[in-house]
Protein backbone atom coordinates (compact mmCIF):
# COMPACT_ATOMS: atom_id res chain seq x y z
CA MET A 1 5.81 6.30 -17.02
CA ALA A 2 8.84 8.03 -15.19
CA GLY A 3 10.22 7.81 -11.71
CA PHE A 4 11.24 4.36 -9.40
CA VAL A 5 9.79 0.80 -8.59
CA ASP A 6 10.44 -0.04 -4.84
CA VAL A 7 9.93 -4.40 -4.32
CA HIS A 8 10.08 -4.44 -1.12
CA SER A 9 8.83 -1.92 1.97
CA HIS A 10 6.95 -2.45 5.00
CA VAL A 11 4.35 -0.10 4.98
CA VAL A 12 1.19 -2.02 6.14
CA PHE A 13 0.94 -1.16 9.42
CA GLY A 14 0.48 -2.53 12.82
CA VAL A 15 1.71 -6.35 11.60
CA ASP A 16 5.31 -7.49 11.44
CA ASP A 17 8.20 -4.61 12.73
CA GLY A 18 7.90 -2.07 9.72
CA ALA A 19 4.72 1.35 10.17
CA HIS A 20 3.28 1.49 13.32
CA SER A 21 0.47 3.15 12.69
CA LEU A 22 -1.81 4.64 9.57
CA ASP A 23 -0.32 7.75 9.69
CA HIS A 24 3.18 6.75 9.65
CA ALA A 25 2.39 4.41 7.10
CA VAL A 26 0.87 7.03 5.01
CA GLU A 27 4.16 9.49 6.33
CA LEU A 28 6.25 6.67 4.45
CA LEU A 29 4.06 6.54 1.50
CA THR A 30 4.49 10.85 1.11
CA GLU A 31 8.50 10.56 1.49
CA ALA A 32 8.79 7.88 -1.02
CA ARG A 33 6.47 9.58 -3.61
CA ASP A 34 8.41 12.93 -3.16
CA THR A 35 11.54 11.51 -3.45
CA GLY A 36 10.71 9.75 -6.68
CA THR A 37 8.94 6.74 -6.49
CA ARG A 38 5.98 5.69 -8.89
CA LEU A 39 4.91 2.51 -6.92
CA ILE A 40 5.94 0.64 -4.16
CA PHE A 41 4.66 -2.99 -3.23
CA ALA A 42 4.38 -2.94 0.62
CA THR A 43 6.06 -6.45 1.42
CA PRO A 44 4.83 -7.19 4.89
CA HIS A 45 6.74 -10.94 6.57
CA ILE A 46 5.26 -14.15 5.53
CA VAL A 47 7.08 -16.59 7.74
CA PRO A 48 5.55 -20.61 6.65
CA PRO A 49 3.86 -22.17 8.54
CA TYR A 50 3.87 -20.48 11.70
CA HIS A 51 2.30 -17.42 10.28
CA GLY A 52 -0.22 -16.16 7.46
CA TRP A 53 0.71 -19.00 4.70
CA ASN A 54 -2.56 -20.11 5.72
CA ALA A 55 -4.46 -17.84 3.69
CA SER A 56 -8.15 -18.53 6.02
CA GLN A 57 -5.34 -17.30 9.16
CA PRO A 58 -5.92 -13.95 11.19
CA ARG A 59 -3.18 -12.66 10.23
CA ILE A 60 -3.71 -11.84 6.39
CA ALA A 61 -7.39 -10.94 6.64
CA ARG A 62 -5.02 -8.37 9.26
CA ILE A 63 -2.86 -7.87 6.60
CA ARG A 64 -5.73 -7.51 3.38
CA ARG A 65 -7.47 -5.10 5.79
CA HIS A 66 -4.56 -2.92 7.23
CA PHE A 67 -3.51 -2.89 3.53
CA ALA A 68 -6.50 -1.86 2.68
CA ALA A 69 -6.49 1.16 4.82
CA LEU A 70 -3.39 2.36 3.27
CA ARG A 71 -4.27 2.21 0.33
CA ASP A 72 -7.76 4.38 0.89
CA ARG A 73 -5.50 7.29 2.01
CA ALA A 74 -2.59 6.78 -0.28
CA PRO A 75 -0.93 10.22 -1.11
CA SER A 76 -1.56 10.45 -5.02
CA GLY A 77 1.26 9.91 -7.21
CA ILE A 78 2.32 7.17 -5.85
CA GLU A 79 0.59 3.36 -6.24
CA VAL A 80 0.63 0.90 -3.20
CA ARG A 81 0.12 -2.84 -4.47
CA LEU A 82 -0.02 -5.64 -1.86
CA GLY A 83 2.86 -8.45 -1.68
CA TYR A 84 4.36 -10.31 0.81
CA GLU A 85 8.31 -11.19 2.19
CA VAL A 86 8.48 -15.18 2.58
CA THR A 87 11.21 -16.40 4.85
CA ALA A 88 12.08 -19.82 3.72
CA ARG A 89 12.05 -22.45 6.87
CA PRO A 90 14.11 -25.83 6.65
CA HIS A 91 12.00 -29.06 6.66
CA ARG A 92 8.60 -26.37 6.17
CA LEU A 93 7.83 -26.16 2.30
CA ARG A 94 4.99 -28.62 1.97
CA ALA A 95 4.34 -30.30 -1.46
CA GLY A 96 0.69 -28.37 -1.53
CA ASP A 97 1.51 -24.60 0.48
CA ASP A 98 0.87 -22.42 -2.44
CA ILE A 99 3.32 -20.40 -3.04
CA ALA A 100 1.48 -17.79 -5.92
CA ARG A 101 -0.64 -16.69 -3.85
CA PHE A 102 2.55 -14.71 -2.38
CA ARG A 103 3.17 -13.03 -5.94
CA LEU A 104 3.74 -9.18 -5.62
CA GLU A 105 0.54 -8.17 -7.15
CA GLY A 106 0.00 -7.61 -10.34
CA THR A 107 3.70 -9.99 -12.06
CA GLU A 108 5.26 -13.76 -11.50
CA LEU A 109 7.20 -12.53 -8.79
CA VAL A 110 7.61 -13.93 -5.73
CA LEU A 111 9.86 -11.85 -2.80
CA MET A 112 11.78 -13.96 -0.64
CA ASP A 113 13.47 -12.51 2.53
CA GLY A 114 17.16 -13.25 2.07
CA PRO A 115 19.64 -13.64 5.57
CA GLN A 116 20.03 -11.85 8.16
CA ALA A 117 22.78 -9.78 9.52
CA ALA A 118 24.64 -12.94 11.66
CA PRO A 119 23.46 -17.02 10.79
CA TRP A 120 20.26 -18.54 11.29
CA VAL A 121 18.39 -21.15 10.79
CA GLY A 122 16.32 -20.44 7.62
CA ASP A 123 19.55 -19.85 5.31
CA SER A 124 19.84 -23.89 4.30
CA THR A 125 16.47 -23.61 2.72
CA MET A 126 16.96 -20.91 0.35
CA GLU A 127 18.66 -22.26 -2.09
CA ARG A 128 15.46 -24.63 -2.82
CA LEU A 129 13.13 -22.50 -2.52
CA VAL A 130 14.20 -20.54 -4.91
CA ARG A 131 14.43 -23.39 -6.74
CA ARG A 132 11.11 -24.83 -5.60
CA ILE A 133 9.28 -20.68 -6.83
CA ARG A 134 11.22 -21.57 -10.44
CA ALA A 135 9.99 -24.53 -11.09
CA GLU A 136 6.38 -22.96 -9.85
CA GLY A 137 6.96 -21.04 -13.62
CA LEU A 138 7.09 -18.01 -11.05
CA THR A 139 10.80 -15.98 -10.23
CA PRO A 140 12.39 -15.70 -7.10
CA ILE A 141 13.88 -12.42 -5.88
CA LEU A 142 16.12 -12.78 -3.27
CA ALA A 143 16.05 -9.44 -0.56
CA HIS A 144 19.21 -8.59 0.97
CA PRO A 145 21.82 -11.13 -0.14
CA GLU A 146 24.48 -7.95 1.12
CA ARG A 147 23.92 -8.72 4.79
CA ARG A 148 26.09 -12.54 4.26
CA ALA A 149 29.23 -10.37 4.50
CA SER A 150 28.06 -9.30 8.32
CA TRP A 151 28.40 -12.82 9.77
CA ARG A 152 30.69 -13.90 11.68
CA ARG A 153 32.16 -17.30 10.55
CA GLU A 154 34.51 -19.68 9.67
CA PRO A 155 35.36 -20.61 6.85
CA PRO A 156 33.99 -17.68 5.47
CA ASP A 157 31.22 -18.24 2.52
CA PRO A 158 31.64 -15.82 -0.19
CA GLY A 159 29.42 -17.53 -2.39
CA PHE A 160 26.18 -17.19 -1.25
CA ALA A 161 25.07 -14.45 -3.22
CA GLU A 162 26.65 -16.52 -6.56
CA ARG A 163 24.62 -19.45 -5.59
CA MET A 164 20.89 -17.71 -5.51
CA LYS A 165 21.91 -16.27 -8.61
CA ALA A 166 23.26 -19.52 -10.34
CA ALA A 167 19.98 -20.83 -9.16
CA GLY A 168 17.15 -18.46 -10.55
CA ALA A 169 17.24 -16.09 -8.57
CA LEU A 170 17.08 -12.14 -9.22
CA LEU A 171 18.77 -10.09 -6.78
CA GLN A 172 17.53 -6.98 -4.39
CA VAL A 173 19.86 -5.10 -2.21
CA ASP A 174 18.56 -2.97 -0.02
CA ALA A 175 19.20 0.82 0.24
CA SER A 176 20.31 0.46 4.16
CA GLY A 177 22.58 -2.21 2.89
CA LEU A 178 24.18 0.35 0.44
CA THR A 179 24.30 3.07 2.71
CA GLY A 180 26.24 0.59 5.63
CA ALA A 181 22.60 1.07 7.61
CA ASP A 182 22.14 -2.85 7.85
CA GLY A 183 25.52 -3.52 9.72
CA PRO A 184 28.98 -3.88 9.26
CA ASN A 185 30.63 -5.42 5.66
CA THR A 186 27.03 -4.31 4.57
CA ASP A 187 27.63 -1.64 1.98
CA VAL A 188 31.34 -3.15 0.46
CA GLU A 189 29.46 -5.95 -0.28
CA ALA A 190 26.72 -4.22 -1.45
CA ARG A 191 29.24 -2.28 -4.23
CA ARG A 192 30.85 -5.20 -5.05
CA LEU A 193 28.23 -7.55 -5.73
CA LEU A 194 26.82 -4.26 -7.82
CA ALA A 195 30.76 -4.04 -9.31
CA GLU A 196 30.06 -8.39 -10.60
CA GLY A 197 26.59 -7.26 -12.42
CA LEU A 198 24.80 -9.79 -9.42
CA ILE A 199 22.63 -7.35 -8.89
CA ASP A 200 19.02 -7.20 -10.54
CA LEU A 201 17.48 -4.54 -7.98
CA ILE A 202 17.55 -2.05 -5.18
CA GLY A 203 14.91 -2.02 -3.12
CA SER A 204 14.08 0.14 0.55
CA ASP A 205 12.68 -2.35 3.04
CA GLY A 206 11.23 0.31 4.18
CA HIS A 207 10.56 0.20 8.05
CA GLY A 208 11.05 4.23 9.72
CA SER A 209 13.90 6.58 10.22
CA ARG A 210 16.70 3.77 9.69
CA SER A 211 15.82 2.15 6.78
CA PRO A 212 13.52 4.95 5.08
CA ALA A 213 11.36 4.01 2.39
CA ARG A 214 13.41 6.15 -0.70
CA LEU A 215 15.73 5.08 -3.18
CA ASP A 216 17.06 8.30 -4.68
CA VAL A 217 20.21 8.06 -1.92
CA ALA A 218 20.38 4.73 -2.95
CA ARG A 219 21.04 5.11 -6.86
CA THR A 220 23.03 7.87 -6.60
CA MET A 221 25.35 5.19 -4.63
CA ALA A 222 24.70 2.66 -7.13
CA ALA A 223 25.81 5.07 -9.63
CA GLU A 224 29.27 5.48 -8.35
CA VAL A 225 29.44 1.92 -9.12
CA VAL A 226 27.95 1.09 -12.21
CA GLY A 227 27.40 4.25 -13.71
CA ASP A 228 24.11 6.07 -14.19
CA ALA A 229 21.97 3.97 -16.94
CA ALA A 230 22.92 1.31 -15.13
CA ALA A 231 21.61 2.46 -11.93
CA THR A 232 18.49 4.15 -13.30
CA ARG A 233 17.48 0.38 -14.17
CA LEU A 234 18.12 -1.13 -10.99
CA VAL A 235 15.03 1.04 -9.59
CA ASP A 236 13.12 1.84 -12.75
CA GLY A 237 11.02 -1.67 -12.36
CA SER A 238 13.18 -2.42 -16.05
CA ALA A 239 14.30 -5.82 -14.29
CA LEU A 240 10.59 -6.82 -13.49
CA LYS A 241 9.26 -5.52 -16.88
CA LEU A 242 7.09 -2.40 -15.07
């Protein structure tokens, strides 16, 4: 089926920093559909073990309840599936934790939260989580590696994306990274990663006005770097076999 596949969005309303109401979530889905998206994964934040890691916790029940309401209201012409964006935390990946329950629905993929716009405690464990997901027979997708370029740090760390790739992660650049809306240097780094063939996917990371749930503009910008055919493969589900 023609159309975009968006592996990263925050369209489940009222559970994180994404859609703030059901009506807002429906607006995001409608815009996504109208700009070419046929399948979108709703990926609310999960931060083990602080919230959502245990399937019996109220947060998981709320996510599932709100997602069900959203799926019932989804406009025709777009499919919505549930997933999660799993944040790495130091010393908190316990042997008994069931990572597989946080797969993107209908796949063997796990979306990982990547670097933020400033240094943060989870960064040091990302590679370990990538390797663990791979060891469990799943494929990790690391979100927005380009944000690392906005760090003010000494010494610089230009090899982060390369290390994550070598560990076995698919790399997903944000649409808002390509446009520069995610902070200084993110657009430059996103283009570098694209030009060097390190990026497997573009996701919207759609939250609302600053980062809408749409991939059309990002595909056009990516095409300026890698050409039309390669840019289309970054957004059409090819890398996911969807």
